[in-house]
């Protein structure tokens, strides 16, 4: 007997592509396709599929809210998120809502099959990139919340009040990266970047990004260039 699947995505090209991939194995039968979160709920009730593969960003009801509602009503249903969002906060929110797996739309055919098979067997599956972000986020949160530090977090020298991680984040801030870009680059959450940014300002008694940039230039952590705000002195 084939595994029945409902695909939910507001882009027809994504639904069609995923349907072709899954049906090519001969193991899956696509019983329904939904274009928004509300339709997901209706079609699951009608077809009672074994697996729901859904996007996070959908009209009417988001994938996160739809997952929460489905998990409450159908505790045995397997739910796999297929999305462009690799941010740690999206991953946590989907997991908290009750998703069994989380893969990115850049996933190849083999990874999609692996993800579907894993969640159907009762396991949890993450795309490799997502897995690194989740693990890194848990570790970073533990360090920040507990006040602990690994070798990479220790201050680089006795003259600096900043840890190596804080210096690393300061350089990226000074280079113009957003908190989200820094989090992606370092495999930590936006929340963790915000915490480090706050700690930097408190330690250095600075109150804005321009001040952080000037400090980084003054300490030769980065070079001054036309895009730097302000001058190199306070």
N, C-alpha and C. Protein backbone atom coordinates (compact mmCIF):
# COMPACT_ATOMS: atom_id res chain seq x y z
N UNK A 1 0.84 -1.20 0.00
CA UNK A 1 0.00 0.00 0.00
C UNK A 1 0.88 1.26 0.00
N UNK A 2 0.55 2.22 -0.84
CA UNK A 2 1.34 3.43 -0.95
C UNK A 2 1.06 4.38 0.23
N UNK A 3 2.06 5.19 0.54
CA UNK A 3 1.92 6.22 1.55
C UNK A 3 1.16 7.40 0.95
N UNK A 4 0.09 7.82 1.61
CA UNK A 4 -0.70 8.93 1.09
C UNK A 4 -0.14 10.26 1.60
N UNK A 5 -0.07 11.23 0.69
CA UNK A 5 0.58 12.51 1.00
C UNK A 5 -0.30 13.68 0.56
N UNK A 6 -0.34 14.69 1.41
CA UNK A 6 -0.96 15.97 1.05
C UNK A 6 0.16 17.00 0.95
N UNK A 7 0.20 17.73 -0.16
CA UNK A 7 1.20 18.78 -0.38
C UNK A 7 0.53 20.14 -0.25
N UNK A 8 1.12 21.02 0.54
CA UNK A 8 0.55 22.36 0.74
C UNK A 8 1.60 23.43 0.46
N UNK A 9 1.35 24.21 -0.59
CA UNK A 9 2.24 25.32 -0.94
C UNK A 9 1.45 26.25 -1.86
N UNK A 10 1.63 27.55 -1.69
CA UNK A 10 0.84 28.47 -2.51
C UNK A 10 1.44 28.70 -3.90
N UNK A 11 2.54 28.02 -4.22
CA UNK A 11 3.14 28.11 -5.55
C UNK A 11 2.94 26.79 -6.30
N UNK A 12 2.25 26.87 -7.43
CA UNK A 12 1.92 25.67 -8.19
C UNK A 12 3.17 24.94 -8.66
N UNK A 13 4.21 25.69 -9.03
CA UNK A 13 5.43 25.04 -9.53
C UNK A 13 6.08 24.19 -8.45
N UNK A 14 5.99 24.62 -7.21
CA UNK A 14 6.56 23.84 -6.10
C UNK A 14 5.73 22.57 -5.89
N UNK A 15 4.42 22.71 -5.89
CA UNK A 15 3.55 21.54 -5.70
C UNK A 15 3.76 20.53 -6.83
N UNK A 16 3.81 21.01 -8.05
CA UNK A 16 3.97 20.11 -9.20
C UNK A 16 5.31 19.39 -9.17
N UNK A 17 6.37 20.14 -8.84
CA UNK A 17 7.70 19.55 -8.77
C UNK A 17 7.80 18.49 -7.69
N UNK A 18 7.26 18.80 -6.52
CA UNK A 18 7.31 17.86 -5.41
C UNK A 18 6.48 16.62 -5.71
N UNK A 19 5.35 16.82 -6.36
CA UNK A 19 4.50 15.69 -6.72
C UNK A 19 5.23 14.74 -7.67
N UNK A 20 5.91 15.30 -8.66
CA UNK A 20 6.67 14.48 -9.61
C UNK A 20 7.78 13.70 -8.91
N UNK A 21 8.47 14.37 -8.01
CA UNK A 21 9.57 13.73 -7.28
C UNK A 21 9.05 12.56 -6.45
N UNK A 22 8.01 12.78 -5.67
CA UNK A 22 7.50 11.74 -4.78
C UNK A 22 6.88 10.57 -5.56
N UNK A 23 6.10 10.87 -6.57
CA UNK A 23 5.43 9.79 -7.31
C UNK A 23 6.39 8.98 -8.16
N UNK A 24 7.58 9.53 -8.45
CA UNK A 24 8.56 8.81 -9.26
C UNK A 24 9.10 7.57 -8.54
N UNK A 25 8.97 7.55 -7.20
CA UNK A 25 9.48 6.40 -6.44
C UNK A 25 8.52 5.23 -6.44
N UNK A 26 7.26 5.50 -6.72
CA UNK A 26 6.25 4.44 -6.67
C UNK A 26 5.77 4.12 -5.28
N UNK A 27 6.30 4.83 -4.27
CA UNK A 27 5.95 4.56 -2.88
C UNK A 27 4.90 5.53 -2.34
N UNK A 28 4.72 6.66 -3.03
CA UNK A 28 3.84 7.70 -2.51
C UNK A 28 2.68 7.98 -3.47
N UNK A 29 1.55 8.31 -2.89
CA UNK A 29 0.39 8.72 -3.66
C UNK A 29 -0.06 10.10 -3.16
N UNK A 30 -0.05 11.08 -4.04
CA UNK A 30 -0.48 12.43 -3.67
C UNK A 30 -2.00 12.47 -3.73
N UNK A 31 -2.64 12.57 -2.58
CA UNK A 31 -4.11 12.51 -2.54
C UNK A 31 -4.75 13.88 -2.58
N UNK A 32 -3.97 14.94 -2.31
CA UNK A 32 -4.54 16.29 -2.32
C UNK A 32 -3.44 17.32 -2.35
N UNK A 33 -3.79 18.52 -2.86
CA UNK A 33 -2.88 19.65 -2.87
C UNK A 33 -3.62 20.87 -2.33
N UNK A 34 -2.98 21.59 -1.43
CA UNK A 34 -3.59 22.78 -0.82
C UNK A 34 -2.78 24.01 -1.18
N UNK A 35 -3.47 25.14 -1.34
CA UNK A 35 -2.81 26.38 -1.71
C UNK A 35 -2.70 27.36 -0.53
N UNK A 36 -3.36 27.05 0.59
CA UNK A 36 -3.25 27.91 1.77
C UNK A 36 -3.51 27.07 3.02
N UNK A 37 -3.24 27.67 4.17
CA UNK A 37 -3.36 26.95 5.42
C UNK A 37 -4.76 26.49 5.75
N UNK A 38 -5.74 27.28 5.39
CA UNK A 38 -7.13 26.91 5.64
C UNK A 38 -7.51 25.65 4.86
N UNK A 39 -7.07 25.61 3.61
CA UNK A 39 -7.39 24.46 2.77
C UNK A 39 -6.69 23.20 3.27
N UNK A 40 -5.52 23.36 3.86
CA UNK A 40 -4.82 22.22 4.45
C UNK A 40 -5.71 21.52 5.46
N UNK A 41 -6.30 22.30 6.36
CA UNK A 41 -7.14 21.74 7.41
C UNK A 41 -8.34 20.99 6.83
N UNK A 42 -8.96 21.58 5.82
CA UNK A 42 -10.13 20.97 5.20
C UNK A 42 -9.77 19.67 4.50
N UNK A 43 -8.67 19.70 3.74
CA UNK A 43 -8.29 18.52 2.95
C UNK A 43 -7.74 17.37 3.81
N UNK A 44 -7.09 17.71 4.90
CA UNK A 44 -6.63 16.65 5.81
C UNK A 44 -7.82 15.93 6.40
N UNK A 45 -8.84 16.69 6.77
CA UNK A 45 -10.05 16.07 7.32
C UNK A 45 -10.74 15.18 6.29
N UNK A 46 -10.70 15.56 5.03
CA UNK A 46 -11.35 14.78 3.97
C UNK A 46 -10.57 13.52 3.60
N UNK A 47 -9.24 13.63 3.55
CA UNK A 47 -8.42 12.54 3.02
C UNK A 47 -7.64 11.75 4.07
N UNK A 48 -7.43 12.32 5.25
CA UNK A 48 -6.66 11.67 6.31
C UNK A 48 -5.37 11.05 5.78
N UNK A 49 -4.48 11.86 5.22
CA UNK A 49 -3.23 11.34 4.65
C UNK A 49 -2.27 10.85 5.73
N UNK A 50 -1.28 10.08 5.31
CA UNK A 50 -0.23 9.63 6.23
C UNK A 50 0.77 10.74 6.52
N UNK A 51 0.98 11.58 5.52
CA UNK A 51 2.01 12.61 5.61
C UNK A 51 1.52 13.92 4.99
N UNK A 52 1.81 15.02 5.68
CA UNK A 52 1.55 16.35 5.14
C UNK A 52 2.89 17.05 4.96
N UNK A 53 3.13 17.53 3.74
CA UNK A 53 4.33 18.33 3.47
C UNK A 53 3.85 19.74 3.19
N UNK A 54 4.26 20.69 4.02
CA UNK A 54 3.72 22.04 3.88
C UNK A 54 4.76 23.13 4.03
N UNK A 55 4.48 24.25 3.38
CA UNK A 55 5.32 25.43 3.48
C UNK A 55 4.95 26.19 4.75
N UNK A 56 5.86 27.03 5.21
CA UNK A 56 5.58 27.86 6.39
C UNK A 56 4.77 29.09 6.01
N UNK A 57 5.20 29.76 4.94
CA UNK A 57 4.55 31.02 4.52
C UNK A 57 3.43 30.73 3.54
N UNK A 58 2.20 30.69 4.05
CA UNK A 58 1.03 30.45 3.20
C UNK A 58 -0.07 31.44 3.57
N UNK A 59 -0.96 31.74 2.61
CA UNK A 59 -2.06 32.68 2.89
C UNK A 59 -3.06 32.13 3.91
N UNK A 60 -3.84 33.03 4.47
CA UNK A 60 -4.93 32.73 5.39
C UNK A 60 -4.46 32.18 6.73
N UNK A 61 -3.88 30.99 6.73
CA UNK A 61 -3.33 30.41 7.96
C UNK A 61 -1.90 29.98 7.67
N UNK A 62 -0.95 30.40 8.47
CA UNK A 62 0.45 30.06 8.23
C UNK A 62 0.69 28.57 8.44
N UNK A 63 1.79 28.10 7.89
CA UNK A 63 2.16 26.70 8.09
C UNK A 63 2.38 26.36 9.55
N UNK A 64 2.86 27.33 10.31
CA UNK A 64 3.10 27.10 11.73
C UNK A 64 1.78 26.90 12.47
N UNK A 65 0.82 27.78 12.22
CA UNK A 65 -0.47 27.67 12.89
C UNK A 65 -1.23 26.43 12.41
N UNK A 66 -1.13 26.14 11.10
CA UNK A 66 -1.80 24.95 10.57
C UNK A 66 -1.22 23.69 11.20
N UNK A 67 0.09 23.67 11.39
CA UNK A 67 0.74 22.52 12.03
C UNK A 67 0.25 22.35 13.46
N UNK A 68 0.15 23.46 14.18
CA UNK A 68 -0.32 23.42 15.56
C UNK A 68 -1.74 22.85 15.64
N UNK A 69 -2.59 23.27 14.74
CA UNK A 69 -3.98 22.81 14.74
C UNK A 69 -4.09 21.34 14.31
N UNK A 70 -3.29 20.95 13.34
CA UNK A 70 -3.31 19.55 12.89
C UNK A 70 -2.77 18.62 13.98
N UNK A 71 -1.72 19.05 14.64
CA UNK A 71 -1.13 18.21 15.69
C UNK A 71 -2.12 17.98 16.82
N UNK A 72 -2.90 19.02 17.14
CA UNK A 72 -3.88 18.90 18.21
C UNK A 72 -4.99 17.92 17.85
N UNK A 73 -5.41 17.94 16.59
CA UNK A 73 -6.54 17.11 16.17
C UNK A 73 -6.13 15.73 15.68
N UNK A 74 -4.92 15.64 15.09
CA UNK A 74 -4.45 14.36 14.53
C UNK A 74 -3.05 14.05 15.07
N UNK A 75 -2.97 13.58 16.30
CA UNK A 75 -1.66 13.38 16.94
C UNK A 75 -0.75 12.39 16.22
N UNK A 76 -1.30 11.48 15.41
CA UNK A 76 -0.47 10.49 14.72
C UNK A 76 -0.02 10.96 13.34
N UNK A 77 -0.54 12.06 12.86
CA UNK A 77 -0.21 12.57 11.54
C UNK A 77 1.26 13.01 11.49
N UNK A 78 1.94 12.66 10.40
CA UNK A 78 3.32 13.08 10.21
C UNK A 78 3.35 14.37 9.40
N UNK A 79 4.11 15.35 9.87
CA UNK A 79 4.14 16.67 9.25
C UNK A 79 5.59 17.05 8.96
N UNK A 80 5.83 17.39 7.70
CA UNK A 80 7.17 17.76 7.25
C UNK A 80 7.13 19.16 6.65
N UNK A 81 7.92 20.07 7.20
CA UNK A 81 8.00 21.43 6.67
C UNK A 81 8.98 21.47 5.51
N UNK A 82 8.56 22.05 4.40
CA UNK A 82 9.43 22.26 3.24
C UNK A 82 9.38 23.74 2.92
N UNK A 83 10.49 24.46 3.16
CA UNK A 83 10.43 25.91 3.16
C UNK A 83 11.75 26.53 2.73
N UNK A 84 11.71 27.83 2.44
CA UNK A 84 12.93 28.57 2.12
C UNK A 84 13.56 29.13 3.39
N UNK A 85 12.84 29.11 4.50
CA UNK A 85 13.31 29.74 5.74
C UNK A 85 14.28 28.84 6.50
N UNK A 86 15.53 29.30 6.63
CA UNK A 86 16.52 28.53 7.38
C UNK A 86 16.82 29.17 8.73
N UNK A 87 16.11 30.24 9.07
CA UNK A 87 16.34 30.92 10.34
C UNK A 87 15.95 30.02 11.51
N UNK A 88 16.77 30.04 12.53
CA UNK A 88 16.57 29.18 13.70
C UNK A 88 15.21 29.38 14.36
N UNK A 89 14.73 30.63 14.38
CA UNK A 89 13.46 30.89 15.04
C UNK A 89 12.29 30.20 14.33
N UNK A 90 12.34 30.16 13.00
CA UNK A 90 11.30 29.44 12.26
C UNK A 90 11.34 27.95 12.60
N UNK A 91 12.55 27.41 12.68
CA UNK A 91 12.70 25.99 13.00
C UNK A 91 12.10 25.68 14.36
N UNK A 92 12.45 26.49 15.36
CA UNK A 92 11.93 26.27 16.71
C UNK A 92 10.42 26.38 16.77
N UNK A 93 9.89 27.37 16.06
CA UNK A 93 8.43 27.57 16.08
C UNK A 93 7.70 26.40 15.43
N UNK A 94 8.27 25.87 14.34
CA UNK A 94 7.65 24.71 13.69
C UNK A 94 7.73 23.47 14.57
N UNK A 95 8.87 23.28 15.21
CA UNK A 95 9.02 22.13 16.10
C UNK A 95 8.06 22.24 17.28
N UNK A 96 7.96 23.44 17.83
CA UNK A 96 7.05 23.64 18.96
C UNK A 96 5.61 23.41 18.54
N UNK A 97 5.29 23.74 17.28
CA UNK A 97 3.93 23.53 16.77
C UNK A 97 3.63 22.06 16.56
N UNK A 98 4.68 21.24 16.38
CA UNK A 98 4.47 19.80 16.25
C UNK A 98 4.98 19.17 14.97
N UNK A 99 5.82 19.89 14.20
CA UNK A 99 6.37 19.30 12.97
C UNK A 99 7.34 18.17 13.29
N UNK A 100 7.36 17.17 12.44
CA UNK A 100 8.27 16.03 12.61
C UNK A 100 9.59 16.21 11.87
N UNK A 101 9.62 17.14 10.93
CA UNK A 101 10.83 17.36 10.16
C UNK A 101 10.84 18.73 9.52
N UNK A 102 12.01 19.15 9.07
CA UNK A 102 12.17 20.50 8.52
C UNK A 102 13.25 20.45 7.45
N UNK A 103 12.87 20.63 6.19
CA UNK A 103 13.85 20.64 5.11
C UNK A 103 13.67 21.89 4.26
N UNK A 104 14.72 22.26 3.55
CA UNK A 104 14.71 23.46 2.73
C UNK A 104 14.33 23.12 1.29
N UNK A 105 13.83 24.12 0.60
CA UNK A 105 13.40 23.90 -0.78
C UNK A 105 14.57 23.70 -1.73
N UNK A 106 15.77 23.88 -1.23
CA UNK A 106 16.96 23.58 -2.02
C UNK A 106 17.32 22.10 -1.95
N UNK A 107 16.58 21.34 -1.17
CA UNK A 107 16.86 19.91 -1.00
C UNK A 107 16.73 19.16 -2.32
N UNK A 108 17.61 18.18 -2.51
CA UNK A 108 17.56 17.36 -3.70
C UNK A 108 16.57 16.21 -3.53
N UNK A 109 16.40 15.46 -4.60
CA UNK A 109 15.45 14.35 -4.62
C UNK A 109 15.75 13.32 -3.52
N UNK A 110 17.00 12.98 -3.37
CA UNK A 110 17.41 11.97 -2.38
C UNK A 110 17.09 12.44 -0.96
N UNK A 111 17.34 13.71 -0.69
CA UNK A 111 17.09 14.24 0.65
C UNK A 111 15.59 14.28 0.96
N UNK A 112 14.80 14.61 -0.04
CA UNK A 112 13.34 14.64 0.15
C UNK A 112 12.82 13.24 0.50
N UNK A 113 13.29 12.23 -0.24
CA UNK A 113 12.88 10.85 0.07
C UNK A 113 13.32 10.46 1.48
N UNK A 114 14.56 10.82 1.82
CA UNK A 114 15.10 10.48 3.15
C UNK A 114 14.28 11.14 4.25
N UNK A 115 13.94 12.41 4.03
CA UNK A 115 13.16 13.15 5.02
C UNK A 115 11.78 12.52 5.21
N UNK A 116 11.11 12.23 4.10
CA UNK A 116 9.78 11.63 4.18
C UNK A 116 9.82 10.27 4.88
N UNK A 117 10.79 9.44 4.51
CA UNK A 117 10.91 8.11 5.11
C UNK A 117 11.22 8.20 6.60
N UNK A 118 12.07 9.16 6.96
CA UNK A 118 12.46 9.31 8.37
C UNK A 118 11.28 9.68 9.24
N UNK A 119 10.52 10.71 8.84
CA UNK A 119 9.40 11.14 9.68
C UNK A 119 8.30 10.08 9.72
N UNK A 120 8.12 9.34 8.63
CA UNK A 120 7.11 8.28 8.62
C UNK A 120 7.49 7.13 9.54
N UNK A 121 8.80 6.96 9.75
CA UNK A 121 9.26 5.89 10.64
C UNK A 121 9.26 6.31 12.10
N UNK A 122 8.92 7.59 12.34
CA UNK A 122 8.86 8.08 13.72
C UNK A 122 10.05 8.91 14.15
N UNK A 123 11.00 9.12 13.23
CA UNK A 123 12.18 9.91 13.55
C UNK A 123 11.94 11.38 13.20
N UNK A 124 12.85 12.23 13.63
CA UNK A 124 12.82 13.65 13.27
C UNK A 124 13.92 13.90 12.25
N UNK A 125 13.63 14.71 11.24
CA UNK A 125 14.62 14.95 10.20
C UNK A 125 14.82 16.44 9.96
N UNK A 126 16.11 16.84 9.83
CA UNK A 126 16.45 18.21 9.46
C UNK A 126 17.38 18.19 8.26
N UNK A 127 17.26 19.18 7.38
CA UNK A 127 18.27 19.38 6.36
C UNK A 127 19.59 19.66 7.07
N UNK A 128 20.73 19.27 6.46
CA UNK A 128 22.03 19.50 7.11
C UNK A 128 22.25 20.93 7.55
N UNK A 129 21.91 21.90 6.71
CA UNK A 129 22.08 23.32 7.07
C UNK A 129 21.24 23.66 8.29
N UNK A 130 20.01 23.21 8.31
CA UNK A 130 19.11 23.48 9.43
C UNK A 130 19.63 22.81 10.69
N UNK A 131 20.13 21.60 10.57
CA UNK A 131 20.66 20.88 11.72
C UNK A 131 21.82 21.64 12.35
N UNK A 132 22.72 22.20 11.52
CA UNK A 132 23.85 22.97 12.05
C UNK A 132 23.36 24.22 12.78
N UNK A 133 22.35 24.87 12.22
CA UNK A 133 21.81 26.08 12.84
C UNK A 133 21.19 25.75 14.20
N UNK A 134 20.42 24.67 14.25
CA UNK A 134 19.75 24.28 15.49
C UNK A 134 20.77 23.92 16.57
N UNK A 135 21.75 23.10 16.21
CA UNK A 135 22.77 22.69 17.18
C UNK A 135 23.57 23.89 17.65
N UNK A 136 23.99 24.74 16.69
CA UNK A 136 24.74 25.93 17.06
C UNK A 136 23.94 26.86 17.95
N UNK A 137 22.65 26.98 17.66
CA UNK A 137 21.79 27.85 18.46
C UNK A 137 21.65 27.35 19.89
N UNK A 138 21.46 26.04 20.05
CA UNK A 138 21.35 25.47 21.40
C UNK A 138 22.63 25.72 22.20
N UNK A 139 23.78 25.51 21.55
CA UNK A 139 25.07 25.69 22.24
C UNK A 139 25.27 27.15 22.62
N UNK A 140 25.01 28.04 21.65
CA UNK A 140 25.20 29.46 21.92
C UNK A 140 24.28 29.94 23.04
N UNK A 141 23.02 29.50 23.03
CA UNK A 141 22.10 29.91 24.09
C UNK A 141 22.58 29.44 25.45
N UNK A 142 23.11 28.24 25.50
CA UNK A 142 23.62 27.71 26.77
C UNK A 142 24.79 28.55 27.26
N UNK A 143 25.71 28.90 26.34
CA UNK A 143 26.86 29.72 26.73
C UNK A 143 26.42 31.08 27.26
N UNK A 144 25.52 31.73 26.52
CA UNK A 144 25.10 33.08 26.90
C UNK A 144 24.31 33.06 28.20
N UNK A 145 23.35 32.13 28.32
CA UNK A 145 22.50 32.08 29.50
C UNK A 145 23.25 31.65 30.75
N UNK A 146 24.23 30.77 30.59
CA UNK A 146 24.96 30.26 31.75
C UNK A 146 26.22 31.05 32.06
N UNK A 147 26.56 31.98 31.18
CA UNK A 147 27.77 32.77 31.40
C UNK A 147 29.02 31.98 31.18
N UNK A 148 28.91 30.82 30.55
CA UNK A 148 30.07 29.98 30.30
C UNK A 148 30.69 30.37 28.98
N UNK A 149 31.92 29.86 28.73
CA UNK A 149 32.59 30.17 27.48
C UNK A 149 33.52 29.04 27.09
N UNK A 150 33.58 28.75 25.80
CA UNK A 150 34.55 27.79 25.29
C UNK A 150 35.80 28.55 24.92
N UNK A 151 36.81 27.85 24.38
CA UNK A 151 38.05 28.51 23.99
C UNK A 151 37.78 29.63 22.99
N UNK A 152 36.88 29.42 22.04
CA UNK A 152 36.59 30.43 21.03
C UNK A 152 35.85 31.62 21.61
N UNK A 153 35.30 31.45 22.82
CA UNK A 153 34.55 32.53 23.45
C UNK A 153 35.41 33.34 24.42
N UNK A 154 36.59 32.84 24.76
CA UNK A 154 37.43 33.51 25.72
C UNK A 154 38.00 34.80 25.13
N UNK A 155 38.31 35.76 25.99
CA UNK A 155 38.92 37.00 25.51
C UNK A 155 40.23 36.68 24.81
N UNK A 156 40.51 37.39 23.72
CA UNK A 156 41.71 37.10 22.93
C UNK A 156 42.98 37.52 23.67
N UNK A 157 42.90 38.57 24.48
CA UNK A 157 44.07 38.99 25.24
C UNK A 157 43.60 39.69 26.51
N UNK A 158 44.56 39.86 27.43
CA UNK A 158 44.21 40.41 28.73
C UNK A 158 43.81 41.87 28.69
N UNK A 159 44.16 42.58 27.58
CA UNK A 159 43.86 44.01 27.50
C UNK A 159 42.46 44.30 26.99
N UNK A 160 41.80 43.31 26.47
CA UNK A 160 40.49 43.54 25.88
C UNK A 160 39.38 43.05 26.80
N UNK A 161 38.30 43.83 26.91
CA UNK A 161 37.17 43.38 27.72
C UNK A 161 36.26 42.42 26.96
N UNK A 162 36.54 42.24 25.67
CA UNK A 162 35.67 41.44 24.82
C UNK A 162 36.17 40.01 24.64
N UNK A 163 35.22 39.10 24.56
CA UNK A 163 35.59 37.72 24.25
C UNK A 163 35.87 37.61 22.76
N UNK A 164 36.43 36.49 22.35
CA UNK A 164 36.71 36.30 20.93
C UNK A 164 35.42 36.31 20.12
N UNK A 165 34.39 35.71 20.65
CA UNK A 165 33.10 35.70 19.94
C UNK A 165 32.55 37.12 19.80
N UNK A 166 32.67 37.91 20.87
CA UNK A 166 32.18 39.29 20.80
C UNK A 166 32.97 40.10 19.78
N UNK A 167 34.28 39.87 19.71
CA UNK A 167 35.10 40.56 18.71
C UNK A 167 34.67 40.14 17.30
N UNK A 168 34.40 38.86 17.16
CA UNK A 168 33.98 38.35 15.85
C UNK A 168 32.68 39.02 15.40
N UNK A 169 31.72 39.09 16.33
CA UNK A 169 30.43 39.71 16.01
C UNK A 169 30.59 41.21 15.80
N UNK A 170 31.45 41.86 16.59
CA UNK A 170 31.70 43.29 16.41
C UNK A 170 32.23 43.57 15.00
N UNK A 171 33.16 42.74 14.53
CA UNK A 171 33.71 42.93 13.19
C UNK A 171 32.64 42.81 12.12
N UNK A 172 31.75 41.84 12.29
CA UNK A 172 30.69 41.63 11.31
C UNK A 172 29.68 42.77 11.33
N UNK A 173 29.40 43.30 12.53
CA UNK A 173 28.53 44.47 12.65
C UNK A 173 29.16 45.65 11.91
N UNK A 174 30.47 45.83 12.14
CA UNK A 174 31.18 46.94 11.52
C UNK A 174 31.27 46.80 10.01
N UNK A 175 31.22 45.58 9.52
CA UNK A 175 31.24 45.34 8.08
C UNK A 175 29.87 45.55 7.43
N UNK A 176 28.88 45.85 8.27
CA UNK A 176 27.57 46.19 7.74
C UNK A 176 26.58 45.05 7.67
N UNK A 177 26.91 43.90 8.25
CA UNK A 177 25.99 42.76 8.21
C UNK A 177 24.85 42.98 9.20
N UNK A 178 23.66 42.53 8.82
CA UNK A 178 22.51 42.59 9.71
C UNK A 178 22.59 41.48 10.74
N UNK A 179 21.77 41.56 11.78
CA UNK A 179 21.76 40.50 12.79
C UNK A 179 21.43 39.15 12.17
N UNK A 180 20.50 39.14 11.23
CA UNK A 180 20.12 37.89 10.57
C UNK A 180 21.29 37.32 9.76
N UNK A 181 22.01 38.20 9.06
CA UNK A 181 23.16 37.76 8.26
C UNK A 181 24.28 37.24 9.15
N UNK A 182 24.48 37.90 10.28
CA UNK A 182 25.51 37.44 11.23
C UNK A 182 25.13 36.07 11.78
N UNK A 183 23.86 35.91 12.15
CA UNK A 183 23.41 34.63 12.68
C UNK A 183 23.60 33.51 11.68
N UNK A 184 23.27 33.77 10.42
CA UNK A 184 23.43 32.76 9.37
C UNK A 184 24.91 32.41 9.18
N UNK A 185 25.76 33.42 9.18
CA UNK A 185 27.19 33.21 8.96
C UNK A 185 27.83 32.41 10.09
N UNK A 186 27.38 32.66 11.32
CA UNK A 186 28.00 32.01 12.49
C UNK A 186 27.19 30.82 13.02
N UNK A 187 26.07 30.50 12.34
CA UNK A 187 25.20 29.41 12.76
C UNK A 187 24.67 29.62 14.18
N UNK A 188 24.24 30.84 14.46
CA UNK A 188 23.61 31.14 15.74
C UNK A 188 22.30 31.88 15.46
N UNK A 189 21.45 31.98 16.46
CA UNK A 189 20.14 32.60 16.25
C UNK A 189 20.25 34.12 16.27
N UNK A 190 19.25 34.76 15.68
CA UNK A 190 19.17 36.22 15.72
C UNK A 190 19.09 36.70 17.16
N UNK A 191 18.38 35.94 17.98
CA UNK A 191 18.26 36.30 19.40
C UNK A 191 19.62 36.31 20.09
N UNK A 192 20.47 35.34 19.74
CA UNK A 192 21.81 35.28 20.33
C UNK A 192 22.66 36.45 19.85
N UNK A 193 22.54 36.80 18.58
CA UNK A 193 23.27 37.96 18.05
C UNK A 193 22.83 39.22 18.79
N UNK A 194 21.53 39.37 18.99
CA UNK A 194 21.01 40.53 19.72
C UNK A 194 21.59 40.60 21.13
N UNK A 195 21.70 39.44 21.78
CA UNK A 195 22.26 39.39 23.14
C UNK A 195 23.71 39.85 23.13
N UNK A 196 24.48 39.35 22.17
CA UNK A 196 25.89 39.74 22.07
C UNK A 196 26.02 41.24 21.76
N UNK A 197 25.15 41.75 20.89
CA UNK A 197 25.18 43.18 20.55
C UNK A 197 24.92 44.03 21.79
N UNK A 198 23.93 43.61 22.59
CA UNK A 198 23.61 44.32 23.83
C UNK A 198 24.79 44.29 24.79
N UNK A 199 25.42 43.10 24.93
CA UNK A 199 26.58 42.97 25.81
C UNK A 199 27.73 43.86 25.35
N UNK A 200 27.94 43.93 24.03
CA UNK A 200 29.00 44.79 23.48
C UNK A 200 28.77 46.25 23.87
N UNK A 201 27.55 46.72 23.69
CA UNK A 201 27.25 48.12 24.00
C UNK A 201 27.41 48.41 25.49
N UNK A 202 27.00 47.45 26.32
CA UNK A 202 27.12 47.65 27.77
C UNK A 202 28.59 47.67 28.20
N UNK A 203 29.37 46.71 27.68
CA UNK A 203 30.78 46.63 28.05
C UNK A 203 31.56 47.86 27.60
N UNK A 204 31.23 48.35 26.40
CA UNK A 204 31.99 49.46 25.81
C UNK A 204 31.36 50.82 26.09
N UNK A 205 30.21 50.81 26.76
CA UNK A 205 29.48 52.04 27.06
C UNK A 205 29.19 52.82 25.78
N UNK A 206 28.70 52.08 24.78
CA UNK A 206 28.31 52.68 23.50
C UNK A 206 26.82 52.49 23.32
N UNK A 207 26.21 53.33 22.47
CA UNK A 207 24.76 53.34 22.43
C UNK A 207 24.16 53.19 21.03
N UNK A 208 25.02 53.01 20.03
CA UNK A 208 24.49 52.82 18.68
C UNK A 208 25.49 52.07 17.82
N UNK A 209 25.05 51.68 16.63
CA UNK A 209 25.91 50.91 15.73
C UNK A 209 27.10 51.72 15.26
N UNK A 210 26.88 53.02 15.01
CA UNK A 210 27.99 53.87 14.57
C UNK A 210 29.12 53.88 15.59
N UNK A 211 28.75 53.89 16.87
CA UNK A 211 29.76 53.85 17.92
C UNK A 211 30.55 52.55 17.90
N UNK A 212 29.85 51.44 17.66
CA UNK A 212 30.53 50.15 17.57
C UNK A 212 31.50 50.12 16.39
N UNK A 213 31.07 50.69 15.26
CA UNK A 213 31.93 50.72 14.08
C UNK A 213 33.18 51.55 14.35
N UNK A 214 33.01 52.72 14.95
CA UNK A 214 34.17 53.56 15.26
C UNK A 214 35.13 52.86 16.22
N UNK A 215 34.58 52.15 17.20
CA UNK A 215 35.41 51.42 18.14
C UNK A 215 36.22 50.35 17.41
N UNK A 216 35.57 49.62 16.51
CA UNK A 216 36.24 48.55 15.77
C UNK A 216 37.38 49.11 14.92
N UNK A 217 37.16 50.27 14.31
CA UNK A 217 38.20 50.90 13.50
C UNK A 217 39.35 51.37 14.39
N UNK A 218 39.01 52.00 15.50
CA UNK A 218 40.03 52.53 16.42
C UNK A 218 40.92 51.43 16.97
N UNK A 219 40.35 50.24 17.17
CA UNK A 219 41.09 49.11 17.72
C UNK A 219 41.72 48.25 16.61
N UNK A 220 41.64 48.76 15.35
CA UNK A 220 42.22 48.05 14.20
C UNK A 220 41.61 46.67 13.98
N UNK A 221 40.35 46.53 14.35
CA UNK A 221 39.67 45.27 14.09
C UNK A 221 39.19 45.22 12.65
N UNK A 222 38.92 46.40 12.07
CA UNK A 222 38.60 46.53 10.65
C UNK A 222 39.28 47.78 10.15
N UNK A 223 39.30 47.95 8.84
CA UNK A 223 39.90 49.14 8.24
C UNK A 223 38.82 50.15 7.92
N UNK A 224 39.13 51.41 8.03
CA UNK A 224 38.18 52.45 7.67
C UNK A 224 37.98 52.46 6.17
N UNK A 225 36.75 52.69 5.73
CA UNK A 225 36.45 52.79 4.31
C UNK A 225 35.27 53.72 4.14
N UNK A 226 34.96 54.14 2.91
CA UNK A 226 33.90 55.15 2.71
C UNK A 226 32.55 54.80 3.28
N UNK A 227 32.27 53.49 3.42
CA UNK A 227 30.93 53.10 3.89
C UNK A 227 30.79 53.20 5.38
N UNK A 228 31.93 53.42 6.11
CA UNK A 228 31.85 53.48 7.57
C UNK A 228 31.15 54.74 8.01
N UNK A 229 30.20 54.63 8.98
CA UNK A 229 29.51 55.82 9.45
C UNK A 229 30.40 56.65 10.36
N UNK A 230 30.31 57.96 10.25
CA UNK A 230 31.03 58.83 11.17
C UNK A 230 32.52 58.85 10.92
N UNK A 231 33.27 59.32 11.92
CA UNK A 231 34.73 59.40 11.85
C UNK A 231 35.31 58.30 12.69
N UNK A 232 36.63 58.22 12.76
CA UNK A 232 37.28 57.16 13.49
C UNK A 232 37.49 57.51 14.95
N UNK A 233 37.00 58.63 15.39
CA UNK A 233 37.09 58.97 16.81
C UNK A 233 35.74 59.33 17.33
N UNK A 234 35.55 59.12 18.63
CA UNK A 234 34.26 59.45 19.25
C UNK A 234 34.15 60.94 19.46
